Amino acid sequence: MVSDSEVPRTYTFDFLQDCAKPKLFVSGARDQFGPRAKLEALVAAMPEPKKLVLIDGADHFFEGRLRELRETIETWVKEQLKS
């Protein structure tokens, strides 16, 4: 018997296929729940503009790397506001 909490989650991002807005994807390089190859394939399939940032040493929750996560997002937002 499998409880609801043990059922793997599956997400689709089909809603982004027609999105022409800038997209930022940020993941920990050691994300135990989001395999890098799958994330790279997902981002590759998305329309431009897009950016993928992998934060070295970060896990799924960015433990110990929240500063890098914040700086990544802040820098990207500032770049978008300039354009």
N, C-alpha and C. Protein backbone atom coordinates (compact mmCIF):
# COMPACT_ATOMS: atom_id res chain seq x y z
N MET A 1 0.84 -1.18 0.00
CA MET A 1 0.00 0.00 0.00
C MET A 1 0.89 1.25 0.00
N VAL A 2 0.57 2.18 -0.85
CA VAL A 2 1.33 3.42 -0.97
C VAL A 2 0.47 4.57 -0.50
N SER A 3 1.01 5.34 0.43
CA SER A 3 0.25 6.50 0.91
C SER A 3 0.44 7.66 -0.06
N ASP A 4 -0.40 8.67 0.05
CA ASP A 4 -0.30 9.85 -0.81
C ASP A 4 1.06 10.50 -0.72
N SER A 5 1.66 10.48 0.46
CA SER A 5 2.95 11.14 0.63
C SER A 5 4.08 10.38 -0.06
N GLU A 6 3.85 9.13 -0.44
CA GLU A 6 4.88 8.34 -1.09
C GLU A 6 4.75 8.33 -2.61
N VAL A 7 3.67 8.88 -3.14
CA VAL A 7 3.47 8.91 -4.58
C VAL A 7 4.37 9.99 -5.17
N PRO A 8 5.20 9.62 -6.14
CA PRO A 8 6.09 10.63 -6.72
C PRO A 8 5.29 11.73 -7.40
N ARG A 9 5.78 12.94 -7.24
CA ARG A 9 5.13 14.09 -7.88
C ARG A 9 5.65 14.23 -9.30
N THR A 10 4.76 14.52 -10.18
CA THR A 10 5.13 14.76 -11.57
C THR A 10 4.57 16.12 -11.96
N TYR A 11 5.45 16.96 -12.45
CA TYR A 11 5.04 18.30 -12.86
C TYR A 11 5.21 18.44 -14.36
N THR A 12 4.31 19.18 -14.95
CA THR A 12 4.48 19.54 -16.36
C THR A 12 4.61 21.06 -16.42
N PHE A 13 5.34 21.49 -17.38
CA PHE A 13 5.55 22.92 -17.55
C PHE A 13 5.10 23.35 -18.93
N ASP A 14 4.08 22.65 -19.43
CA ASP A 14 3.54 22.95 -20.76
C ASP A 14 3.08 24.39 -20.88
N PHE A 15 2.62 24.97 -19.78
CA PHE A 15 2.13 26.35 -19.81
C PHE A 15 3.22 27.34 -20.20
N LEU A 16 4.49 26.94 -20.09
CA LEU A 16 5.58 27.83 -20.45
C LEU A 16 5.94 27.75 -21.93
N GLN A 17 5.40 26.79 -22.64
CA GLN A 17 5.76 26.60 -24.05
C GLN A 17 5.42 27.81 -24.91
N ASP A 18 4.40 28.55 -24.53
CA ASP A 18 4.01 29.74 -25.30
C ASP A 18 4.41 31.04 -24.61
N CYS A 19 5.20 30.94 -23.58
CA CYS A 19 5.58 32.12 -22.80
C CYS A 19 6.75 32.85 -23.45
N ALA A 20 6.51 34.06 -23.87
CA ALA A 20 7.56 34.87 -24.50
C ALA A 20 8.27 35.77 -23.49
N LYS A 21 7.85 35.72 -22.24
CA LYS A 21 8.46 36.53 -21.18
C LYS A 21 9.79 35.91 -20.75
N PRO A 22 10.69 36.73 -20.20
CA PRO A 22 11.96 36.19 -19.70
C PRO A 22 11.72 35.18 -18.58
N LYS A 23 12.50 34.10 -18.60
CA LYS A 23 12.34 33.03 -17.62
C LYS A 23 13.69 32.73 -16.98
N LEU A 24 13.70 32.64 -15.67
CA LEU A 24 14.90 32.27 -14.93
C LEU A 24 14.65 30.94 -14.24
N PHE A 25 15.53 29.99 -14.47
CA PHE A 25 15.47 28.69 -13.82
C PHE A 25 16.71 28.59 -12.93
N VAL A 26 16.50 28.36 -11.65
CA VAL A 26 17.61 28.26 -10.71
C VAL A 26 17.49 26.93 -9.98
N SER A 27 18.59 26.23 -9.91
CA SER A 27 18.60 24.94 -9.22
C SER A 27 19.93 24.76 -8.51
N GLY A 28 19.90 23.96 -7.47
CA GLY A 28 21.13 23.57 -6.82
C GLY A 28 21.83 22.51 -7.67
N ALA A 29 23.13 22.60 -7.80
CA ALA A 29 23.87 21.61 -8.58
C ALA A 29 23.79 20.22 -7.96
N ARG A 30 23.45 20.15 -6.67
CA ARG A 30 23.29 18.86 -5.99
C ARG A 30 21.84 18.61 -5.61
N ASP A 31 20.90 19.14 -6.39
CA ASP A 31 19.47 18.97 -6.10
C ASP A 31 19.10 17.49 -6.20
N GLN A 32 18.71 16.92 -5.08
CA GLN A 32 18.40 15.50 -5.01
C GLN A 32 17.01 15.17 -5.57
N PHE A 33 16.20 16.18 -5.83
CA PHE A 33 14.85 15.95 -6.35
C PHE A 33 14.67 16.42 -7.79
N GLY A 34 15.62 17.13 -8.31
CA GLY A 34 15.53 17.64 -9.68
C GLY A 34 16.79 17.28 -10.44
N PRO A 35 16.81 16.13 -11.07
CA PRO A 35 18.02 15.70 -11.79
C PRO A 35 18.45 16.73 -12.83
N ARG A 36 19.72 17.02 -12.84
CA ARG A 36 20.28 18.05 -13.71
C ARG A 36 19.94 17.81 -15.18
N ALA A 37 20.06 16.59 -15.65
CA ALA A 37 19.80 16.29 -17.06
C ALA A 37 18.35 16.61 -17.42
N LYS A 38 17.43 16.30 -16.53
CA LYS A 38 16.02 16.59 -16.80
C LYS A 38 15.77 18.09 -16.82
N LEU A 39 16.39 18.81 -15.90
CA LEU A 39 16.22 20.26 -15.86
C LEU A 39 16.81 20.90 -17.12
N GLU A 40 17.99 20.45 -17.52
CA GLU A 40 18.60 21.01 -18.72
C GLU A 40 17.74 20.74 -19.95
N ALA A 41 17.14 19.55 -20.03
CA ALA A 41 16.26 19.22 -21.16
C ALA A 41 15.01 20.09 -21.13
N LEU A 42 14.46 20.30 -19.94
CA LEU A 42 13.28 21.14 -19.80
C LEU A 42 13.58 22.56 -20.27
N VAL A 43 14.68 23.12 -19.80
CA VAL A 43 15.04 24.49 -20.16
C VAL A 43 15.34 24.58 -21.66
N ALA A 44 15.99 23.59 -22.21
CA ALA A 44 16.30 23.60 -23.64
C ALA A 44 15.03 23.64 -24.48
N ALA A 45 13.97 23.03 -23.98
CA ALA A 45 12.70 22.98 -24.72
C ALA A 45 11.88 24.26 -24.59
N MET A 46 12.27 25.15 -23.71
CA MET A 46 11.52 26.39 -23.50
C MET A 46 11.92 27.44 -24.52
N PRO A 47 10.97 28.30 -24.89
CA PRO A 47 11.31 29.38 -25.82
C PRO A 47 12.17 30.45 -25.14
N GLU A 48 12.90 31.16 -25.93
CA GLU A 48 13.69 32.30 -25.44
C GLU A 48 12.73 33.43 -25.07
N PRO A 49 13.15 34.35 -24.25
CA PRO A 49 14.41 34.39 -23.51
C PRO A 49 14.33 33.51 -22.26
N LYS A 50 15.47 32.92 -21.93
CA LYS A 50 15.54 32.02 -20.78
C LYS A 50 16.97 31.98 -20.27
N LYS A 51 17.10 31.62 -19.01
CA LYS A 51 18.42 31.48 -18.42
C LYS A 51 18.35 30.39 -17.36
N LEU A 52 19.34 29.52 -17.35
CA LEU A 52 19.47 28.47 -16.34
C LEU A 52 20.71 28.75 -15.53
N VAL A 53 20.56 28.76 -14.21
CA VAL A 53 21.69 28.94 -13.31
C VAL A 53 21.71 27.76 -12.36
N LEU A 54 22.86 27.08 -12.28
CA LEU A 54 23.06 26.01 -11.32
C LEU A 54 24.01 26.53 -10.26
N ILE A 55 23.58 26.46 -9.03
CA ILE A 55 24.38 26.99 -7.93
C ILE A 55 25.21 25.84 -7.35
N ASP A 56 26.53 25.98 -7.49
CA ASP A 56 27.46 24.96 -7.02
C ASP A 56 27.28 24.68 -5.53
N GLY A 57 27.28 23.40 -5.19
CA GLY A 57 27.21 22.99 -3.80
C GLY A 57 25.83 23.06 -3.19
N ALA A 58 24.84 23.58 -3.92
CA ALA A 58 23.50 23.74 -3.35
C ALA A 58 22.65 22.50 -3.58
N ASP A 59 21.85 22.17 -2.58
CA ASP A 59 20.91 21.07 -2.70
C ASP A 59 19.54 21.64 -3.10
N HIS A 60 18.51 20.84 -2.99
CA HIS A 60 17.17 21.25 -3.39
C HIS A 60 16.68 22.47 -2.61
N PHE A 61 17.08 22.57 -1.36
CA PHE A 61 16.60 23.66 -0.50
C PHE A 61 17.62 24.79 -0.37
N PHE A 62 18.71 24.72 -1.12
CA PHE A 62 19.76 25.74 -1.12
C PHE A 62 20.35 25.95 0.26
N GLU A 63 20.36 24.88 1.06
CA GLU A 63 20.91 24.97 2.42
C GLU A 63 22.36 25.45 2.37
N GLY A 64 22.62 26.52 3.09
CA GLY A 64 23.95 27.10 3.11
C GLY A 64 24.29 27.91 1.87
N ARG A 65 23.36 28.02 0.94
CA ARG A 65 23.61 28.74 -0.31
C ARG A 65 22.50 29.75 -0.62
N LEU A 66 21.76 30.15 0.39
CA LEU A 66 20.66 31.09 0.17
C LEU A 66 21.16 32.45 -0.32
N ARG A 67 22.35 32.85 0.11
CA ARG A 67 22.91 34.13 -0.34
C ARG A 67 23.12 34.08 -1.86
N GLU A 68 23.70 32.99 -2.35
CA GLU A 68 23.93 32.85 -3.79
C GLU A 68 22.61 32.81 -4.55
N LEU A 69 21.61 32.15 -3.99
CA LEU A 69 20.29 32.11 -4.62
C LEU A 69 19.72 33.52 -4.73
N ARG A 70 19.74 34.25 -3.64
CA ARG A 70 19.22 35.62 -3.63
C ARG A 70 19.97 36.50 -4.62
N GLU A 71 21.30 36.42 -4.61
CA GLU A 71 22.10 37.25 -5.52
C GLU A 71 21.82 36.91 -6.98
N THR A 72 21.63 35.64 -7.27
CA THR A 72 21.32 35.21 -8.63
C THR A 72 20.00 35.83 -9.10
N ILE A 73 19.00 35.75 -8.25
CA ILE A 73 17.69 36.29 -8.61
C ILE A 73 17.74 37.80 -8.72
N GLU A 74 18.38 38.47 -7.75
CA GLU A 74 18.47 39.93 -7.77
C GLU A 74 19.18 40.42 -9.04
N THR A 75 20.28 39.78 -9.39
CA THR A 75 21.04 40.18 -10.57
C THR A 75 20.21 40.02 -11.83
N TRP A 76 19.51 38.89 -11.94
CA TRP A 76 18.68 38.63 -13.11
C TRP A 76 17.54 39.65 -13.22
N VAL A 77 16.88 39.94 -12.10
CA VAL A 77 15.78 40.90 -12.13
C VAL A 77 16.29 42.28 -12.55
N LYS A 78 17.43 42.68 -12.01
CA LYS A 78 17.99 43.98 -12.39
C LYS A 78 18.32 44.02 -13.88
N GLU A 79 18.84 42.93 -14.42
CA GLU A 79 19.13 42.86 -15.86
C GLU A 79 17.86 43.00 -16.68
N GLN A 80 16.79 42.36 -16.20
CA GLN A 80 15.51 42.42 -16.93
C GLN A 80 14.92 43.82 -16.89
N LEU A 81 15.07 44.50 -15.79
CA LEU A 81 14.52 45.85 -15.65
C LEU A 81 15.25 46.86 -16.53
N LYS A 82 16.53 46.60 -16.81
CA LYS A 82 17.31 47.49 -17.69
C LYS A 82 16.88 47.37 -19.13
N SER A 83 16.41 46.18 -19.51
CA SER A 83 16.09 45.97 -20.93
C SER A 83 14.66 46.29 -21.26
